[in-house]
Amino acid sequence: MAAGASWEGFLEEATCSICLDYFQDPVLIPECGHNFCRDCLTRSWGTSESEASCPQCRQTFAPRSLLPNRQLARLVEETRRCGGPWGEEGGSFCSKHREPLKLFCKHHETLICLVCDRSIEHEGHRVIPAEEAVQEYQ
């Protein structure tokens, strides 16, 4: 149990708090030390040139100086490669978030987890419980 809990904490550290997925091209905001995917942060800031703020702590700052976080990128890649401590049960868990696949996205016709349901990728899609999908597609 302790190993699972520590792995869960590690996965949380390897996950962008905006898209709720593994970091892609992670960047560090030097003013506050928080990390985000470069694209997520750019979209979050929009076109405002005068002032930016951290989506996590809301600290504001004038320049948009982002530092690539190569060490975090390597750790995330290693996390993806290792897959985590799920063994043979891997098929019943989301490959992105390692959460149980409890929902069915009708748009993508695939099983998803609760975190996926809240993500931009599935925003506005019709999602039903997995059990209901089984009944519907039999």
N, C-alpha and C. Protein backbone atom coordinates (compact mmCIF):
# COMPACT_ATOMS: atom_id res chain seq x y z
N MET A 1 0.82 -1.19 0.00
CA MET A 1 0.00 0.00 0.00
C MET A 1 0.86 1.26 0.00
N ALA A 2 1.91 1.26 0.80
CA ALA A 2 2.79 2.43 0.87
C ALA A 2 3.45 2.71 -0.47
N ALA A 3 3.87 1.64 -1.18
CA ALA A 3 4.50 1.83 -2.48
C ALA A 3 3.52 2.46 -3.46
N GLY A 4 2.26 2.03 -3.43
CA GLY A 4 1.26 2.61 -4.31
C GLY A 4 1.01 4.07 -4.01
N ALA A 5 0.98 4.40 -2.72
CA ALA A 5 0.76 5.79 -2.32
C ALA A 5 1.91 6.68 -2.76
N SER A 6 3.16 6.20 -2.60
CA SER A 6 4.30 7.02 -3.01
C SER A 6 4.35 7.15 -4.53
N TRP A 7 3.98 6.09 -5.25
CA TRP A 7 3.94 6.17 -6.71
C TRP A 7 2.87 7.16 -7.14
N GLU A 8 1.73 7.15 -6.45
CA GLU A 8 0.66 8.08 -6.76
C GLU A 8 1.13 9.53 -6.58
N GLY A 9 1.88 9.78 -5.52
CA GLY A 9 2.44 11.11 -5.29
C GLY A 9 3.42 11.50 -6.37
N PHE A 10 4.22 10.55 -6.82
CA PHE A 10 5.17 10.81 -7.89
C PHE A 10 4.43 11.15 -9.18
N LEU A 11 3.38 10.38 -9.49
CA LEU A 11 2.60 10.65 -10.69
C LEU A 11 1.98 12.05 -10.64
N GLU A 12 1.55 12.45 -9.46
CA GLU A 12 0.98 13.78 -9.31
C GLU A 12 2.02 14.85 -9.63
N GLU A 13 3.26 14.63 -9.22
CA GLU A 13 4.34 15.57 -9.50
C GLU A 13 4.71 15.60 -10.98
N ALA A 14 4.41 14.53 -11.71
CA ALA A 14 4.73 14.45 -13.13
C ALA A 14 3.56 14.91 -14.00
N THR A 15 2.53 15.46 -13.36
CA THR A 15 1.30 15.83 -14.05
C THR A 15 1.09 17.34 -14.02
N CYS A 16 0.74 17.88 -15.17
CA CYS A 16 0.43 19.31 -15.29
C CYS A 16 -0.91 19.59 -14.62
N SER A 17 -0.97 20.62 -13.79
CA SER A 17 -2.21 20.94 -13.08
C SER A 17 -3.25 21.62 -13.97
N ILE A 18 -2.89 21.94 -15.20
CA ILE A 18 -3.85 22.54 -16.13
C ILE A 18 -4.54 21.46 -16.95
N CYS A 19 -3.76 20.62 -17.64
CA CYS A 19 -4.36 19.60 -18.51
C CYS A 19 -4.57 18.26 -17.81
N LEU A 20 -4.01 18.10 -16.61
CA LEU A 20 -4.13 16.88 -15.82
C LEU A 20 -3.53 15.67 -16.52
N ASP A 21 -2.56 15.90 -17.37
CA ASP A 21 -1.86 14.84 -18.08
C ASP A 21 -0.37 14.97 -17.75
N TYR A 22 0.42 13.96 -18.17
CA TYR A 22 1.86 14.08 -18.00
C TYR A 22 2.35 15.36 -18.67
N PHE A 23 3.36 15.99 -18.08
CA PHE A 23 3.93 17.19 -18.68
C PHE A 23 4.41 16.90 -20.09
N GLN A 24 4.17 17.85 -20.99
CA GLN A 24 4.73 17.82 -22.33
C GLN A 24 5.45 19.15 -22.50
N ASP A 25 6.74 19.10 -22.78
CA ASP A 25 7.57 20.30 -22.89
C ASP A 25 7.42 21.16 -21.63
N PRO A 26 7.75 20.60 -20.44
CA PRO A 26 7.55 21.33 -19.19
C PRO A 26 8.43 22.58 -19.09
N VAL A 27 7.82 23.64 -18.57
CA VAL A 27 8.54 24.89 -18.34
C VAL A 27 8.30 25.32 -16.89
N LEU A 28 9.27 26.03 -16.37
CA LEU A 28 9.25 26.53 -14.99
C LEU A 28 8.99 28.03 -15.01
N ILE A 29 8.10 28.50 -14.17
CA ILE A 29 7.93 29.93 -13.96
C ILE A 29 8.92 30.31 -12.87
N PRO A 30 9.99 31.04 -13.21
CA PRO A 30 11.03 31.32 -12.22
C PRO A 30 10.55 32.13 -11.01
N GLU A 31 9.56 32.97 -11.20
CA GLU A 31 9.09 33.82 -10.11
C GLU A 31 8.48 33.03 -8.95
N CYS A 32 7.84 31.88 -9.25
CA CYS A 32 7.19 31.13 -8.17
C CYS A 32 7.64 29.67 -8.09
N GLY A 33 8.29 29.17 -9.15
CA GLY A 33 8.80 27.80 -9.12
C GLY A 33 7.83 26.72 -9.56
N HIS A 34 6.66 27.08 -10.07
CA HIS A 34 5.70 26.08 -10.53
C HIS A 34 5.97 25.68 -11.98
N ASN A 35 5.64 24.43 -12.30
CA ASN A 35 5.85 23.87 -13.64
C ASN A 35 4.52 23.62 -14.34
N PHE A 36 4.54 23.79 -15.67
CA PHE A 36 3.37 23.54 -16.50
C PHE A 36 3.85 23.11 -17.88
N CYS A 37 2.95 22.50 -18.67
CA CYS A 37 3.26 22.27 -20.08
C CYS A 37 3.36 23.65 -20.74
N ARG A 38 4.29 23.81 -21.65
CA ARG A 38 4.45 25.11 -22.32
C ARG A 38 3.14 25.53 -23.00
N ASP A 39 2.52 24.62 -23.76
CA ASP A 39 1.28 24.95 -24.47
C ASP A 39 0.14 25.29 -23.51
N CYS A 40 0.03 24.54 -22.41
CA CYS A 40 -1.03 24.82 -21.43
C CYS A 40 -0.89 26.22 -20.86
N LEU A 41 0.33 26.57 -20.49
CA LEU A 41 0.58 27.88 -19.89
C LEU A 41 0.34 28.99 -20.90
N THR A 42 0.77 28.79 -22.12
CA THR A 42 0.57 29.79 -23.17
C THR A 42 -0.92 30.02 -23.41
N ARG A 43 -1.69 28.92 -23.48
CA ARG A 43 -3.14 29.06 -23.66
C ARG A 43 -3.78 29.74 -22.45
N SER A 44 -3.32 29.39 -21.27
CA SER A 44 -3.86 29.98 -20.03
C SER A 44 -3.65 31.49 -20.00
N TRP A 45 -2.50 31.93 -20.45
CA TRP A 45 -2.19 33.36 -20.45
C TRP A 45 -2.90 34.11 -21.56
N GLY A 46 -3.24 33.44 -22.63
CA GLY A 46 -3.91 34.11 -23.74
C GLY A 46 -3.00 35.11 -24.41
N THR A 47 -3.56 36.24 -24.81
CA THR A 47 -2.80 37.23 -25.58
C THR A 47 -2.36 38.43 -24.75
N SER A 48 -2.66 38.43 -23.47
CA SER A 48 -2.26 39.56 -22.61
C SER A 48 -0.74 39.68 -22.56
N GLU A 49 -0.24 40.86 -22.88
CA GLU A 49 1.21 41.09 -22.90
C GLU A 49 1.70 41.83 -21.66
N SER A 50 0.79 42.50 -20.94
CA SER A 50 1.21 43.37 -19.85
C SER A 50 1.55 42.63 -18.57
N GLU A 51 0.71 41.70 -18.14
CA GLU A 51 0.94 41.02 -16.88
C GLU A 51 0.53 39.55 -17.01
N ALA A 52 1.28 38.69 -16.37
CA ALA A 52 0.97 37.26 -16.38
C ALA A 52 0.85 36.80 -14.94
N SER A 53 0.17 35.68 -14.74
CA SER A 53 0.08 35.13 -13.39
C SER A 53 0.19 33.61 -13.45
N CYS A 54 0.64 33.04 -12.36
CA CYS A 54 0.77 31.60 -12.25
C CYS A 54 -0.63 31.01 -12.05
N PRO A 55 -1.04 30.04 -12.86
CA PRO A 55 -2.35 29.42 -12.70
C PRO A 55 -2.52 28.67 -11.37
N GLN A 56 -1.41 28.33 -10.73
CA GLN A 56 -1.49 27.56 -9.49
C GLN A 56 -1.54 28.45 -8.25
N CYS A 57 -0.60 29.39 -8.13
CA CYS A 57 -0.54 30.23 -6.93
C CYS A 57 -1.04 31.65 -7.17
N ARG A 58 -1.31 32.00 -8.42
CA ARG A 58 -1.83 33.31 -8.82
C ARG A 58 -0.86 34.47 -8.62
N GLN A 59 0.41 34.17 -8.36
CA GLN A 59 1.41 35.24 -8.26
C GLN A 59 1.51 35.93 -9.62
N THR A 60 1.53 37.25 -9.61
CA THR A 60 1.61 38.00 -10.87
C THR A 60 3.03 38.51 -11.08
N PHE A 61 3.37 38.69 -12.34
CA PHE A 61 4.70 39.17 -12.71
C PHE A 61 4.61 39.77 -14.10
N ALA A 62 5.52 40.69 -14.41
CA ALA A 62 5.49 41.40 -15.69
C ALA A 62 6.03 40.57 -16.85
N PRO A 63 7.26 40.13 -16.80
CA PRO A 63 7.79 39.41 -17.97
C PRO A 63 7.31 37.97 -18.00
N ARG A 64 7.25 37.44 -19.18
CA ARG A 64 6.87 36.04 -19.35
C ARG A 64 8.13 35.21 -19.62
N SER A 65 9.02 35.20 -18.71
CA SER A 65 10.26 34.45 -18.88
C SER A 65 10.07 33.03 -18.36
N LEU A 66 10.02 32.08 -19.26
CA LEU A 66 9.84 30.68 -18.90
C LEU A 66 11.15 29.94 -19.10
N LEU A 67 11.46 29.04 -18.19
CA LEU A 67 12.67 28.23 -18.29
C LEU A 67 12.30 26.79 -18.61
N PRO A 68 12.88 26.20 -19.66
CA PRO A 68 12.61 24.79 -19.93
C PRO A 68 13.08 23.95 -18.74
N ASN A 69 12.27 22.97 -18.34
CA ASN A 69 12.64 22.10 -17.23
C ASN A 69 12.99 20.73 -17.81
N ARG A 70 14.22 20.60 -18.27
CA ARG A 70 14.67 19.37 -18.93
C ARG A 70 14.73 18.19 -17.98
N GLN A 71 15.10 18.44 -16.73
CA GLN A 71 15.16 17.36 -15.75
C GLN A 71 13.76 16.77 -15.52
N LEU A 72 12.76 17.62 -15.38
CA LEU A 72 11.40 17.14 -15.21
C LEU A 72 10.94 16.40 -16.46
N ALA A 73 11.31 16.89 -17.64
CA ALA A 73 10.94 16.21 -18.88
C ALA A 73 11.50 14.79 -18.91
N ARG A 74 12.76 14.62 -18.47
CA ARG A 74 13.36 13.28 -18.43
C ARG A 74 12.65 12.39 -17.42
N LEU A 75 12.31 12.92 -16.26
CA LEU A 75 11.60 12.14 -15.25
C LEU A 75 10.22 11.70 -15.74
N VAL A 76 9.53 12.60 -16.42
CA VAL A 76 8.21 12.26 -16.97
C VAL A 76 8.35 11.17 -18.02
N GLU A 77 9.34 11.29 -18.88
CA GLU A 77 9.56 10.27 -19.92
C GLU A 77 9.85 8.92 -19.28
N GLU A 78 10.65 8.91 -18.23
CA GLU A 78 10.95 7.66 -17.52
C GLU A 78 9.70 7.09 -16.86
N THR A 79 8.87 7.95 -16.31
CA THR A 79 7.61 7.52 -15.70
C THR A 79 6.72 6.86 -16.74
N ARG A 80 6.62 7.48 -17.90
CA ARG A 80 5.82 6.89 -18.99
C ARG A 80 6.37 5.53 -19.40
N ARG A 81 7.70 5.46 -19.50
CA ARG A 81 8.34 4.21 -19.93
C ARG A 81 8.11 3.10 -18.92
N CYS A 82 8.21 3.41 -17.64
CA CYS A 82 8.06 2.40 -16.58
C CYS A 82 6.61 1.97 -16.41
N GLY A 83 5.70 2.88 -16.55
CA GLY A 83 4.29 2.52 -16.46
C GLY A 83 3.71 2.45 -15.07
N GLY A 84 4.49 2.22 -14.04
CA GLY A 84 3.96 2.19 -12.69
C GLY A 84 3.72 0.80 -12.15
N PRO A 85 3.28 0.71 -10.90
CA PRO A 85 3.16 -0.56 -10.20
C PRO A 85 1.81 -1.25 -10.38
N TRP A 86 1.27 -1.31 -11.59
CA TRP A 86 -0.05 -1.90 -11.76
C TRP A 86 -0.03 -3.31 -12.30
N GLY A 87 1.09 -3.76 -12.78
CA GLY A 87 1.23 -5.14 -13.22
C GLY A 87 0.20 -5.55 -14.25
N GLU A 88 -0.39 -6.72 -14.04
CA GLU A 88 -1.34 -7.29 -14.99
C GLU A 88 -2.65 -6.52 -15.06
N GLU A 89 -2.96 -5.72 -14.06
CA GLU A 89 -4.21 -4.98 -14.04
C GLU A 89 -4.16 -3.74 -14.92
N GLY A 90 -3.04 -3.48 -15.59
CA GLY A 90 -2.86 -2.25 -16.35
C GLY A 90 -3.97 -1.94 -17.32
N GLY A 91 -4.63 -2.97 -17.87
CA GLY A 91 -5.68 -2.75 -18.84
C GLY A 91 -6.92 -2.11 -18.25
N SER A 92 -7.15 -2.19 -16.95
CA SER A 92 -8.35 -1.63 -16.35
C SER A 92 -8.13 -0.23 -15.80
N PHE A 93 -6.95 0.33 -16.04
CA PHE A 93 -6.61 1.66 -15.57
C PHE A 93 -6.26 2.55 -16.76
N CYS A 94 -6.54 3.83 -16.62
CA CYS A 94 -6.21 4.82 -17.64
C CYS A 94 -4.69 4.88 -17.81
N SER A 95 -4.22 4.80 -19.04
CA SER A 95 -2.78 4.84 -19.29
C SER A 95 -2.19 6.22 -19.01
N LYS A 96 -3.01 7.27 -19.04
CA LYS A 96 -2.51 8.62 -18.77
C LYS A 96 -2.49 8.95 -17.28
N HIS A 97 -3.57 8.59 -16.58
CA HIS A 97 -3.75 9.03 -15.20
C HIS A 97 -3.69 7.91 -14.17
N ARG A 98 -3.65 6.67 -14.62
CA ARG A 98 -3.60 5.51 -13.71
C ARG A 98 -4.78 5.47 -12.76
N GLU A 99 -5.92 5.93 -13.25
CA GLU A 99 -7.18 5.87 -12.51
C GLU A 99 -8.05 4.79 -13.14
N PRO A 100 -8.99 4.21 -12.39
CA PRO A 100 -9.87 3.18 -12.95
C PRO A 100 -10.70 3.72 -14.11
N LEU A 101 -10.87 2.89 -15.14
CA LEU A 101 -11.68 3.26 -16.30
C LEU A 101 -13.14 2.99 -15.97
N LYS A 102 -13.86 4.02 -15.55
CA LYS A 102 -15.24 3.86 -15.09
C LYS A 102 -16.27 4.48 -16.02
N LEU A 103 -15.80 5.25 -17.01
CA LEU A 103 -16.71 5.97 -17.89
C LEU A 103 -16.45 5.62 -19.34
N PHE A 104 -17.44 5.91 -20.21
CA PHE A 104 -17.31 5.67 -21.64
C PHE A 104 -17.61 6.96 -22.36
N CYS A 105 -16.65 7.45 -23.16
CA CYS A 105 -16.84 8.66 -23.97
C CYS A 105 -17.48 8.23 -25.29
N LYS A 106 -18.70 8.68 -25.52
CA LYS A 106 -19.41 8.28 -26.74
C LYS A 106 -18.78 8.91 -27.98
N HIS A 107 -18.21 10.09 -27.84
CA HIS A 107 -17.58 10.77 -28.98
C HIS A 107 -16.37 9.98 -29.48
N HIS A 108 -15.49 9.57 -28.56
CA HIS A 108 -14.29 8.82 -28.93
C HIS A 108 -14.50 7.31 -28.91
N GLU A 109 -15.66 6.88 -28.40
CA GLU A 109 -15.99 5.46 -28.28
C GLU A 109 -14.89 4.70 -27.56
N THR A 110 -14.54 5.21 -26.37
CA THR A 110 -13.48 4.59 -25.58
C THR A 110 -13.76 4.76 -24.09
N LEU A 111 -13.21 3.84 -23.29
CA LEU A 111 -13.30 3.95 -21.85
C LEU A 111 -12.36 5.04 -21.36
N ILE A 112 -12.80 5.81 -20.38
CA ILE A 112 -11.98 6.88 -19.81
C ILE A 112 -12.12 6.88 -18.29
N CYS A 113 -11.21 7.57 -17.63
CA CYS A 113 -11.27 7.70 -16.17
C CYS A 113 -11.96 9.02 -15.81
N LEU A 114 -12.16 9.24 -14.52
CA LEU A 114 -12.81 10.47 -14.06
C LEU A 114 -11.97 11.71 -14.36
N VAL A 115 -10.65 11.58 -14.33
CA VAL A 115 -9.77 12.71 -14.64
C VAL A 115 -9.89 13.07 -16.12
N CYS A 116 -9.91 12.05 -16.99
CA CYS A 116 -10.09 12.29 -18.43
C CYS A 116 -11.40 13.03 -18.69
N ASP A 117 -12.44 12.64 -17.97
CA ASP A 117 -13.76 13.25 -18.16
C ASP A 117 -13.71 14.76 -17.91
N ARG A 118 -12.83 15.20 -17.02
CA ARG A 118 -12.71 16.62 -16.68
C ARG A 118 -11.70 17.35 -17.57
N SER A 119 -11.02 16.62 -18.45
CA SER A 119 -9.96 17.23 -19.26
C SER A 119 -10.52 17.94 -20.49
N ILE A 120 -9.70 18.77 -21.07
CA ILE A 120 -10.06 19.51 -22.29
C ILE A 120 -10.36 18.54 -23.43
N GLU A 121 -9.64 17.44 -23.48
CA GLU A 121 -9.80 16.46 -24.56
C GLU A 121 -11.23 15.93 -24.66
N HIS A 122 -11.93 15.81 -23.55
CA HIS A 122 -13.29 15.26 -23.55
C HIS A 122 -14.35 16.30 -23.19
N GLU A 123 -13.97 17.56 -23.17
CA GLU A 123 -14.89 18.64 -22.82
C GLU A 123 -16.08 18.67 -23.78
N GLY A 124 -17.29 18.68 -23.22
CA GLY A 124 -18.50 18.74 -24.04
C GLY A 124 -18.93 17.42 -24.64
N HIS A 125 -18.19 16.35 -24.40
CA HIS A 125 -18.55 15.04 -24.95
C HIS A 125 -19.59 14.37 -24.06
N ARG A 126 -20.41 13.53 -24.67
CA ARG A 126 -21.38 12.76 -23.89
C ARG A 126 -20.64 11.58 -23.28
N VAL A 127 -20.68 11.49 -21.97
CA VAL A 127 -20.00 10.43 -21.23
C VAL A 127 -21.03 9.69 -20.39
N ILE A 128 -20.95 8.35 -20.42
CA ILE A 128 -21.88 7.53 -19.65
C ILE A 128 -21.08 6.53 -18.81
N PRO A 129 -21.69 5.98 -17.76
CA PRO A 129 -20.99 4.96 -16.98
C PRO A 129 -20.62 3.76 -17.86
N ALA A 130 -19.48 3.15 -17.58
CA ALA A 130 -19.00 2.03 -18.38
C ALA A 130 -20.02 0.90 -18.42
N GLU A 131 -20.68 0.62 -17.28
CA GLU A 131 -21.67 -0.46 -17.24
C GLU A 131 -22.82 -0.19 -18.20
N GLU A 132 -23.24 1.07 -18.27
CA GLU A 132 -24.32 1.45 -19.18
C GLU A 132 -23.89 1.27 -20.64
N ALA A 133 -22.64 1.57 -20.93
CA ALA A 133 -22.13 1.40 -22.29
C ALA A 133 -22.12 -0.07 -22.69
N VAL A 134 -21.76 -0.94 -21.75
CA VAL A 134 -21.76 -2.37 -22.03
C VAL A 134 -23.16 -2.81 -22.43
N GLN A 135 -24.17 -2.39 -21.67
CA GLN A 135 -25.57 -2.73 -21.96
C GLN A 135 -25.97 -2.20 -23.34
N GLU A 136 -25.59 -0.95 -23.61
CA GLU A 136 -25.99 -0.28 -24.84
C GLU A 136 -25.35 -0.90 -26.09
N TYR A 137 -24.12 -1.37 -25.97
CA TYR A 137 -23.40 -1.88 -27.13
C TYR A 137 -23.46 -3.39 -27.28
N GLN A 138 -24.26 -4.08 -26.43
CA GLN A 138 -24.37 -5.54 -26.56
C GLN A 138 -25.30 -5.90 -27.67
